[in-house]
Amino acid sequence: MADPSRTAVVTGAGRGLGAAAAVELHRRGHRVALLDLDGESARRVADTLDPDGRTAIGIAVDVRDERAVQVACDEARDRLGEPDVLVNNAARTVSRSVWDIELDEWDDVLATNLRSVLVTTRRLAPGMRERGWGRIVNMASLAGQQGGLVAGAHYASSKAGILVLTKIFARELASTGVTVNAVAPAAIRGPVMDGMDPEQLDRALAAIPVGRFGTAEEVAGLVAYLCGEQAGYLTGTTVDVNGGLFMR
């Protein structure tokens, strides 16, 4: 079990991988603040964990807005305690040819997926550093390692940026008891697949060595491990969870 004094902040936690990570962290004993642009979705997930709001709360926040992130993080601290765990999961996925991406859309995806990691980490990591313990997990993607497979070039570029930013923060914080790692999922059954053509899904499935899609719960288990006490010797790394699609 996690130290019951630990508070975790999870962005993009209203559904999908973010919600699964928040649920698993709560199951392991953390108090959890679920942040999402869709505040109602975040609050619904939080209510399933603790309807009284003592150990789980949902907060509406636009992670593109630095001031809004600051306010949300302060609310999490005031209601649940100083955050020692941060999961940067918020992301926007747009499937579009690199030739057709409008620059405003490019900027918006990069702000949602990459700049938010910088903003939230710089908001919460100093407190972790001062207390001598912290865990930060950034959600990357196979797309950030090989280029966009389903999502667009802006999504893939943002995820590649997360891999580098993870290493930079990991090096900065390594001597302070704070670890920073990335998780790179692929072929995970979730909301993104819901709108895909069945034939496209069949082709994707045929390429996966283990012969099936992954689950959000499997990714959440990995995230929770990286947020735990036993992961103190892992930092600056990217852990793949993709059924063997990318081996190294």
C-alpha atoms as a PDB file:
ATOM      1  CA  MET A   1       0.000   0.000   0.000  1.00  0.00           C
ATOM      2  CA  ALA A   2       1.047   3.557  -0.639  1.00  0.00           C
ATOM      3  CA  ASP A   3       1.865   5.873   2.219  1.00  0.00           C
ATOM      4  CA  PRO A   4      -1.634   7.188   3.127  1.00  0.00           C
ATOM      5  CA  SER A   5      -0.200  10.683   3.365  1.00  0.00           C
ATOM      6  CA  ARG A   6       0.542  10.752  -0.380  1.00  0.00           C
ATOM      7  CA  THR A   7      -1.596  12.901  -2.643  1.00  0.00           C
ATOM      8  CA  ALA A   8      -1.593  12.298  -6.398  1.00  0.00           C
ATOM      9  CA  VAL A   9      -2.603  14.703  -9.159  1.00  0.00           C
ATOM     10  CA  VAL A  10      -3.649  13.134 -12.471  1.00  0.00           C
ATOM     11  CA  THR A  11      -4.391  15.289 -15.510  1.00  0.00           C
ATOM     12  CA  GLY A  12      -6.777  14.195 -18.233  1.00  0.00           C
ATOM     13  CA  ALA A  13      -8.388  11.920 -15.663  1.00  0.00           C
ATOM     14  CA  GLY A  14     -11.999  12.104 -16.794  1.00  0.00           C
ATOM     15  CA  ARG A  15     -11.781   8.992 -18.965  1.00  0.00           C
ATOM     16  CA  GLY A  16      -9.437   6.505 -20.606  1.00  0.00           C
ATOM     17  CA  LEU A  17      -5.905   6.019 -19.342  1.00  0.00           C
ATOM     18  CA  GLY A  18      -6.063   8.980 -16.986  1.00  0.00           C
ATOM     19  CA  ALA A  19      -9.171   7.691 -15.251  1.00  0.00           C
ATOM     20  CA  ALA A  20      -7.685   4.195 -15.011  1.00  0.00           C
ATOM     21  CA  ALA A  21      -4.483   5.581 -13.479  1.00  0.00           C
ATOM     22  CA  ALA A  22      -6.436   7.613 -10.934  1.00  0.00           C
ATOM     23  CA  VAL A  23      -8.549   4.596  -9.980  1.00  0.00           C
ATOM     24  CA  GLU A  24      -5.480   2.397  -9.516  1.00  0.00           C
ATOM     25  CA  LEU A  25      -3.603   4.988  -7.482  1.00  0.00           C
ATOM     26  CA  HIS A  26      -6.634   5.397  -5.241  1.00  0.00           C
ATOM     27  CA  ARG A  27      -6.929   1.632  -4.885  1.00  0.00           C
ATOM     28  CA  ARG A  28      -3.329   1.558  -3.682  1.00  0.00           C
ATOM     29  CA  GLY A  29      -4.048   4.079  -0.964  1.00  0.00           C
ATOM     30  CA  HIS A  30      -3.381   7.482  -2.491  1.00  0.00           C
ATOM     31  CA  ARG A  31      -5.633  10.463  -2.227  1.00  0.00           C
ATOM     32  CA  VAL A  32      -6.282  11.526  -5.810  1.00  0.00           C
ATOM     33  CA  ALA A  33      -7.145  14.817  -7.519  1.00  0.00           C
ATOM     34  CA  LEU A  34      -8.568  14.127 -10.969  1.00  0.00           C
ATOM     35  CA  LEU A  35      -8.053  17.089 -13.310  1.00  0.00           C
ATOM     36  CA  ASP A  36      -9.800  17.322 -16.661  1.00  0.00           C
ATOM     37  CA  LEU A  37     -11.113  19.878 -19.127  1.00  0.00           C
ATOM     38  CA  ASP A  38     -14.437  18.093 -18.682  1.00  0.00           C
ATOM     39  CA  GLY A  39     -14.897  18.708 -14.981  1.00  0.00           C
ATOM     40  CA  GLU A  40     -18.117  16.723 -14.831  1.00  0.00           C
ATOM     41  CA  SER A  41     -16.392  13.582 -16.107  1.00  0.00           C
ATOM     42  CA  ALA A  42     -13.603  14.014 -13.571  1.00  0.00           C
ATOM     43  CA  ARG A  43     -16.094  14.490 -10.758  1.00  0.00           C
ATOM     44  CA  ARG A  44     -18.069  11.418 -11.810  1.00  0.00           C
ATOM     45  CA  VAL A  45     -14.965   9.246 -11.640  1.00  0.00           C
ATOM     46  CA  ALA A  46     -13.988  10.797  -8.310  1.00  0.00           C
ATOM     47  CA  ASP A  47     -17.466  10.146  -6.922  1.00  0.00           C
ATOM     48  CA  THR A  48     -17.154   6.455  -7.709  1.00  0.00           C
ATOM     49  CA  LEU A  49     -13.976   6.402  -5.604  1.00  0.00           C
ATOM     50  CA  ASP A  50     -15.194   8.532  -2.698  1.00  0.00           C
ATOM     51  CA  PRO A  51     -18.539  10.324  -2.917  1.00  0.00           C
ATOM     52  CA  ASP A  52     -17.662  12.302   0.214  1.00  0.00           C
ATOM     53  CA  GLY A  53     -14.619  13.879  -1.434  1.00  0.00           C
ATOM     54  CA  ARG A  54     -12.203  13.078   1.364  1.00  0.00           C
ATOM     55  CA  THR A  55      -9.820  10.977  -0.742  1.00  0.00           C
ATOM     56  CA  ALA A  56     -10.830  11.724  -4.343  1.00  0.00           C
ATOM     57  CA  ILE A  57     -11.937  14.952  -6.008  1.00  0.00           C
ATOM     58  CA  GLY A  58     -12.584  16.063  -9.567  1.00  0.00           C
ATOM     59  CA  ILE A  59     -11.432  19.490 -10.738  1.00  0.00           C
ATOM     60  CA  ALA A  60     -12.203  21.224 -14.022  1.00  0.00           C
ATOM     61  CA  VAL A  61      -9.084  22.733 -15.601  1.00  0.00           C
ATOM     62  CA  ASP A  62      -7.779  23.701 -19.023  1.00  0.00           C
ATOM     63  CA  VAL A  63      -4.159  22.542 -18.932  1.00  0.00           C
ATOM     64  CA  ARG A  64      -3.322  24.997 -21.728  1.00  0.00           C
ATOM     65  CA  ASP A  65      -3.930  27.822 -19.232  1.00  0.00           C
ATOM     66  CA  GLU A  66      -1.018  28.256 -16.818  1.00  0.00           C
ATOM     67  CA  ARG A  67      -3.057  30.239 -14.302  1.00  0.00           C
ATOM     68  CA  ALA A  68      -5.853  27.655 -14.360  1.00  0.00           C
ATOM     69  CA  VAL A  69      -3.322  24.896 -13.667  1.00  0.00           C
ATOM     70  CA  GLN A  70      -1.949  26.832 -10.713  1.00  0.00           C
ATOM     71  CA  VAL A  71      -5.444  27.292  -9.272  1.00  0.00           C
ATOM     72  CA  ALA A  72      -6.294  23.606  -9.752  1.00  0.00           C
ATOM     73  CA  CYS A  73      -3.057  22.442  -8.123  1.00  0.00           C
ATOM     74  CA  ASP A  74      -3.669  24.782  -5.190  1.00  0.00           C
ATOM     75  CA  GLU A  75      -7.177  23.360  -4.780  1.00  0.00           C
ATOM     76  CA  ALA A  76      -5.794  19.820  -4.795  1.00  0.00           C
ATOM     77  CA  ARG A  77      -3.270  20.791  -2.114  1.00  0.00           C
ATOM     78  CA  ASP A  78      -5.838  22.583   0.035  1.00  0.00           C
ATOM     79  CA  ARG A  79      -8.367  19.735  -0.076  1.00  0.00           C
ATOM     80  CA  LEU A  80      -6.142  16.658  -0.101  1.00  0.00           C
ATOM     81  CA  GLY A  81      -2.670  17.695   1.039  1.00  0.00           C
ATOM     82  CA  GLU A  82       0.621  18.499  -0.648  1.00  0.00           C
ATOM     83  CA  PRO A  83       0.927  16.492  -3.906  1.00  0.00           C
ATOM     84  CA  ASP A  84       3.874  14.095  -4.019  1.00  0.00           C
ATOM     85  CA  VAL A  85       2.724  12.269  -7.162  1.00  0.00           C
ATOM     86  CA  LEU A  86       1.971  13.767 -10.572  1.00  0.00           C
ATOM     87  CA  VAL A  87       0.727  11.907 -13.624  1.00  0.00           C
ATOM     88  CA  ASN A  88       0.790  14.080 -16.755  1.00  0.00           C
ATOM     89  CA  ASN A  89      -1.777  12.404 -18.971  1.00  0.00           C
ATOM     90  CA  ALA A  90      -3.832  15.227 -20.528  1.00  0.00           C
ATOM     91  CA  ALA A  91      -3.704  15.038 -24.307  1.00  0.00           C
ATOM     92  CA  ARG A  92      -5.500  15.969 -27.478  1.00  0.00           C
ATOM     93  CA  THR A  93      -5.434  13.490 -30.352  1.00  0.00           C
ATOM     94  CA  VAL A  94      -6.209  14.587 -33.917  1.00  0.00           C
ATOM     95  CA  SER A  95      -5.796  12.252 -36.883  1.00  0.00           C
ATOM     96  CA  ARG A  96      -4.811  14.406 -39.837  1.00  0.00           C
ATOM     97  CA  SER A  97      -2.239  14.459 -42.631  1.00  0.00           C
ATOM     98  CA  VAL A  98       0.829  16.579 -41.892  1.00  0.00           C
ATOM     99  CA  TRP A  99      -0.040  18.565 -45.037  1.00  0.00           C
ATOM    100  CA  ASP A 100      -3.489  19.495 -43.713  1.00  0.00           C
ATOM    101  CA  ILE A 101      -2.704  20.594 -40.151  1.00  0.00           C
ATOM    102  CA  GLU A 102      -3.575  24.237 -39.546  1.00  0.00           C
ATOM    103  CA  LEU A 103      -0.992  26.084 -37.470  1.00  0.00           C
ATOM    104  CA  ASP A 104      -3.567  26.993 -34.809  1.00  0.00           C
ATOM    105  CA  GLU A 105      -4.368  23.304 -34.419  1.00  0.00           C
ATOM    106  CA  TRP A 106      -0.647  22.473 -34.243  1.00  0.00           C
ATOM    107  CA  ASP A 107      -0.169  25.023 -31.470  1.00  0.00           C
ATOM    108  CA  ASP A 108      -3.213  23.799 -29.566  1.00  0.00           C
ATOM    109  CA  VAL A 109      -2.132  20.148 -29.606  1.00  0.00           C
ATOM    110  CA  LEU A 110       1.402  21.056 -28.522  1.00  0.00           C
ATOM    111  CA  ALA A 111       0.038  23.269 -25.740  1.00  0.00           C
ATOM    112  CA  THR A 112      -2.299  20.551 -24.481  1.00  0.00           C
ATOM    113  CA  ASN A 113       0.102  17.634 -24.727  1.00  0.00           C
ATOM    114  CA  LEU A 114       3.576  19.076 -24.146  1.00  0.00           C
ATOM    115  CA  ARG A 115       3.481  22.562 -22.662  1.00  0.00           C
ATOM    116  CA  SER A 116       1.099  21.306 -19.965  1.00  0.00           C
ATOM    117  CA  VAL A 117       3.786  18.857 -18.806  1.00  0.00           C
ATOM    118  CA  LEU A 118       6.196  21.767 -18.360  1.00  0.00           C
ATOM    119  CA  VAL A 119       3.597  23.867 -16.523  1.00  0.00           C
ATOM    120  CA  THR A 120       2.327  21.209 -14.113  1.00  0.00           C
ATOM    121  CA  THR A 121       5.791  19.858 -13.356  1.00  0.00           C
ATOM    122  CA  ARG A 122       7.208  23.296 -12.611  1.00  0.00           C
ATOM    123  CA  ARG A 123       4.199  23.934 -10.372  1.00  0.00           C
ATOM    124  CA  LEU A 124       4.411  20.753  -8.287  1.00  0.00           C
ATOM    125  CA  ALA A 125       8.004  19.467  -8.486  1.00  0.00           C
ATOM    126  CA  PRO A 126       9.554  22.210  -6.301  1.00  0.00           C
ATOM    127  CA  GLY A 127       7.403  21.119  -3.365  1.00  0.00           C
ATOM    128  CA  MET A 128       8.373  17.486  -3.906  1.00  0.00           C
ATOM    129  CA  ARG A 129      12.026  18.522  -4.040  1.00  0.00           C
ATOM    130  CA  GLU A 130      11.740  20.409  -0.759  1.00  0.00           C
ATOM    131  CA  ARG A 131      10.075  17.431   0.951  1.00  0.00           C
ATOM    132  CA  GLY A 132      12.670  15.015  -0.448  1.00  0.00           C
ATOM    133  CA  TRP A 133      10.255  12.625  -2.173  1.00  0.00           C
ATOM    134  CA  GLY A 134       8.210  12.662  -5.363  1.00  0.00           C
ATOM    135  CA  ARG A 135       7.089  10.684  -8.373  1.00  0.00           C
ATOM    136  CA  ILE A 136       6.288  12.162 -11.772  1.00  0.00           C
ATOM    137  CA  VAL A 137       5.045  10.006 -14.647  1.00  0.00           C
ATOM    138  CA  ASN A 138       4.517  11.474 -18.106  1.00  0.00           C
ATOM    139  CA  MET A 139       2.314   9.694 -20.606  1.00  0.00           C
ATOM    140  CA  ALA A 140       4.134   9.456 -23.927  1.00  0.00           C
ATOM    141  CA  SER A 141       3.327   7.144 -26.840  1.00  0.00           C
ATOM    142  CA  LEU A 142       4.796   4.845 -29.437  1.00  0.00           C
ATOM    143  CA  ALA A 143       3.915   7.661 -31.845  1.00  0.00           C
ATOM    144  CA  GLY A 144       6.576   9.773 -30.171  1.00  0.00           C
ATOM    145  CA  GLN A 145       9.185   7.100 -30.945  1.00  0.00           C
ATOM    146  CA  GLN A 146       8.237   6.076 -34.478  1.00  0.00           C
ATOM    147  CA  GLY A 147       6.057   8.877 -35.812  1.00  0.00           C
ATOM    148  CA  GLY A 148       2.286   9.040 -35.971  1.00  0.00           C
ATOM    149  CA  LEU A 149       0.620   5.692 -36.554  1.00  0.00           C
ATOM    150  CA  VAL A 150      -2.980   6.758 -36.051  1.00  0.00           C
ATOM    151  CA  ALA A 151      -2.704  10.287 -34.695  1.00  0.00           C
ATOM    152  CA  GLY A 152      -1.279  13.267 -36.523  1.00  0.00           C
ATOM    153  CA  ALA A 153       2.232  14.689 -36.730  1.00  0.00           C
ATOM    154  CA  HIS A 154       1.450  17.288 -34.059  1.00  0.00           C
ATOM    155  CA  TYR A 155       0.438  14.545 -31.613  1.00  0.00           C
ATOM    156  CA  ALA A 156       3.556  12.494 -32.410  1.00  0.00           C
ATOM    157  CA  SER A 157       5.798  15.543 -32.094  1.00  0.00           C
ATOM    158  CA  SER A 158       4.325  16.442 -28.721  1.00  0.00           C
ATOM    159  CA  LYS A 159       4.898  12.918 -27.443  1.00  0.00           C
ATOM    160  CA  ALA A 160       8.492  12.938 -28.691  1.00  0.00           C
ATOM    161  CA  GLY A 161       8.972  16.184 -26.819  1.00  0.00           C
ATOM    162  CA  ILE A 162       7.667  14.558 -23.645  1.00  0.00           C
ATOM    163  CA  LEU A 163      10.408  11.911 -23.863  1.00  0.00           C
ATOM    164  CA  VAL A 164      13.106  14.589 -23.893  1.00  0.00           C
ATOM    165  CA  LEU A 165      11.447  16.751 -21.230  1.00  0.00           C
ATOM    166  CA  THR A 166      11.196  13.671 -19.011  1.00  0.00           C
ATOM    167  CA  LYS A 167      14.969  13.205 -19.182  1.00  0.00           C
ATOM    168  CA  ILE A 168      15.652  16.870 -18.496  1.00  0.00           C
ATOM    169  CA  PHE A 169      13.474  16.983 -15.387  1.00  0.00           C
ATOM    170  CA  ALA A 170      14.781  13.592 -14.250  1.00  0.00           C
ATOM    171  CA  ARG A 171      18.357  14.863 -14.360  1.00  0.00           C
ATOM    172  CA  GLU A 172      17.422  18.078 -12.569  1.00  0.00           C
ATOM    173  CA  LEU A 173      15.627  16.263  -9.736  1.00  0.00           C
ATOM    174  CA  ALA A 174      17.561  12.983  -9.449  1.00  0.00           C
ATOM    175  CA  SER A 175      19.511  13.925  -6.323  1.00  0.00           C
ATOM    176  CA  THR A 176      16.450  15.178  -4.451  1.00  0.00           C
ATOM    177  CA  GLY A 177      14.390  11.983  -4.101  1.00  0.00           C
ATOM    178  CA  VAL A 178      12.099  12.876  -6.997  1.00  0.00           C
ATOM    179  CA  THR A 179      11.923  10.519  -9.979  1.00  0.00           C
ATOM    180  CA  VAL A 180      10.587  11.397 -13.423  1.00  0.00           C
ATOM    181  CA  ASN A 181       9.699   8.689 -15.932  1.00  0.00           C
ATOM    182  CA  ALA A 182       7.625   8.258 -19.068  1.00  0.00           C
ATOM    183  CA  VAL A 183       5.237   5.508 -20.136  1.00  0.00           C
ATOM    184  CA  ALA A 184       4.775   4.903 -23.860  1.00  0.00           C
ATOM    185  CA  PRO A 185       1.587   2.940 -24.599  1.00  0.00           C
ATOM    186  CA  ALA A 186       0.387   1.704 -27.964  1.00  0.00           C
ATOM    187  CA  ALA A 187      -2.488  -0.427 -29.193  1.00  0.00           C
ATOM    188  CA  ILE A 188      -4.461   0.100 -25.985  1.00  0.00           C
ATOM    189  CA  ARG A 189      -8.196  -0.434 -26.170  1.00  0.00           C
ATOM    190  CA  GLY A 190      -9.840   2.907 -25.348  1.00  0.00           C
ATOM    191  CA  PRO A 191     -11.865   5.898 -26.569  1.00  0.00           C
ATOM    192  CA  VAL A 192      -9.550   6.599 -29.526  1.00  0.00           C
ATOM    193  CA  MET A 193     -10.351   3.178 -30.999  1.00  0.00           C
ATOM    194  CA  ASP A 194     -14.109   3.635 -30.684  1.00  0.00           C
ATOM    195  CA  GLY A 195     -14.284   5.688 -33.870  1.00  0.00           C
ATOM    196  CA  MET A 196     -11.934   3.528 -35.928  1.00  0.00           C
ATOM    197  CA  ASP A 197     -13.034   1.398 -38.858  1.00  0.00           C
ATOM    198  CA  PRO A 198     -13.325  -2.308 -37.912  1.00  0.00           C
ATOM    199  CA  GLU A 199     -11.051  -3.320 -40.797  1.00  0.00           C
ATOM    200  CA  GLN A 200      -8.439  -0.839 -39.609  1.00  0.00           C
ATOM    201  CA  LEU A 201      -8.665  -2.349 -36.130  1.00  0.00           C
ATOM    202  CA  ASP A 202      -8.260  -5.855 -37.555  1.00  0.00           C
ATOM    203  CA  ARG A 203      -5.102  -4.811 -39.400  1.00  0.00           C
ATOM    204  CA  ALA A 204      -3.737  -3.200 -36.251  1.00  0.00           C
ATOM    205  CA  LEU A 205      -4.501  -6.308 -34.224  1.00  0.00           C
ATOM    206  CA  ALA A 206      -2.720  -8.557 -36.728  1.00  0.00           C
ATOM    207  CA  ALA A 207       0.509  -6.573 -36.237  1.00  0.00           C
ATOM    208  CA  ILE A 208       0.625  -7.019 -32.442  1.00  0.00           C
ATOM    209  CA  PRO A 209       2.960  -9.902 -31.452  1.00  0.00           C
ATOM    210  CA  VAL A 210       0.994 -10.824 -28.309  1.00  0.00           C
ATOM    211  CA  GLY A 211      -2.167 -11.090 -30.410  1.00  0.00           C
ATOM    212  CA  ARG A 212      -4.447  -8.691 -28.563  1.00  0.00           C
ATOM    213  CA  PHE A 213      -4.959  -5.068 -27.650  1.00  0.00           C
ATOM    214  CA  GLY A 214      -3.808  -3.846 -24.255  1.00  0.00           C
ATOM    215  CA  THR A 215      -6.091  -2.546 -21.536  1.00  0.00           C
ATOM    216  CA  ALA A 216      -6.153   0.729 -19.667  1.00  0.00           C
ATOM    217  CA  GLU A 217      -5.809  -1.224 -16.441  1.00  0.00           C
ATOM    218  CA  GLU A 218      -2.502  -2.725 -17.595  1.00  0.00           C
ATOM    219  CA  VAL A 219      -1.127   0.724 -18.319  1.00  0.00           C
ATOM    220  CA  ALA A 220      -2.475   2.000 -14.995  1.00  0.00           C
ATOM    221  CA  GLY A 221      -0.692  -0.783 -13.128  1.00  0.00           C
ATOM    222  CA  LEU A 222       2.614   0.280 -14.666  1.00  0.00           C
ATOM    223  CA  VAL A 223       1.967   3.942 -13.864  1.00  0.00           C
ATOM    224  CA  ALA A 224       1.123   3.088 -10.267  1.00  0.00           C
ATOM    225  CA  TYR A 225       4.321   1.059  -9.890  1.00  0.00           C
ATOM    226  CA  LEU A 226       6.397   3.999 -11.123  1.00  0.00           C
ATOM    227  CA  CYS A 227       4.611   6.161  -8.556  1.00  0.00           C
ATOM    228  CA  GLY A 228       5.441   3.803  -5.703  1.00  0.00           C
ATOM    229  CA  GLU A 229       8.098   3.463  -3.059  1.00  0.00           C
ATOM    230  CA  GLN A 230       9.920   0.635  -4.857  1.00  0.00           C
ATOM    231  CA  ALA A 231      10.534   2.653  -8.037  1.00  0.00           C
ATOM    232  CA  GLY A 232      13.086   4.994  -6.498  1.00  0.00           C
ATOM    233  CA  TYR A 233      15.965   3.701  -8.650  1.00  0.00           C
ATOM    234  CA  LEU A 234      14.115   4.280 -11.920  1.00  0.00           C
ATOM    235  CA  THR A 235      14.340   7.781 -13.345  1.00  0.00           C
ATOM    236  CA  GLY A 236      14.677   9.334 -16.777  1.00  0.00           C
ATOM    237  CA  THR A 237      13.451   6.169 -18.446  1.00  0.00           C
ATOM    238  CA  THR A 238      10.684   5.421 -20.919  1.00  0.00           C
ATOM    239  CA  VAL A 239       8.786   2.196 -20.296  1.00  0.00           C
ATOM    240  CA  ASP A 240       7.028   0.692 -23.320  1.00  0.00           C
ATOM    241  CA  VAL A 241       3.679  -1.059 -23.001  1.00  0.00           C
ATOM    242  CA  ASN A 242       2.678  -2.089 -26.512  1.00  0.00           C
ATOM    243  CA  GLY A 243       2.306  -5.850 -26.806  1.00  0.00           C
ATOM    244  CA  GLY A 244       5.664  -6.161 -28.583  1.00  0.00           C
ATOM    245  CA  LEU A 245       4.961  -3.678 -31.391  1.00  0.00           C
ATOM    246  CA  PHE A 246       8.215  -1.911 -30.591  1.00  0.00           C
ATOM    247  CA  MET A 247      11.063  -3.870 -29.038  1.00  0.00           C
ATOM    248  CA  ARG A 248      14.487  -2.540 -28.034  1.00  0.00           C
END
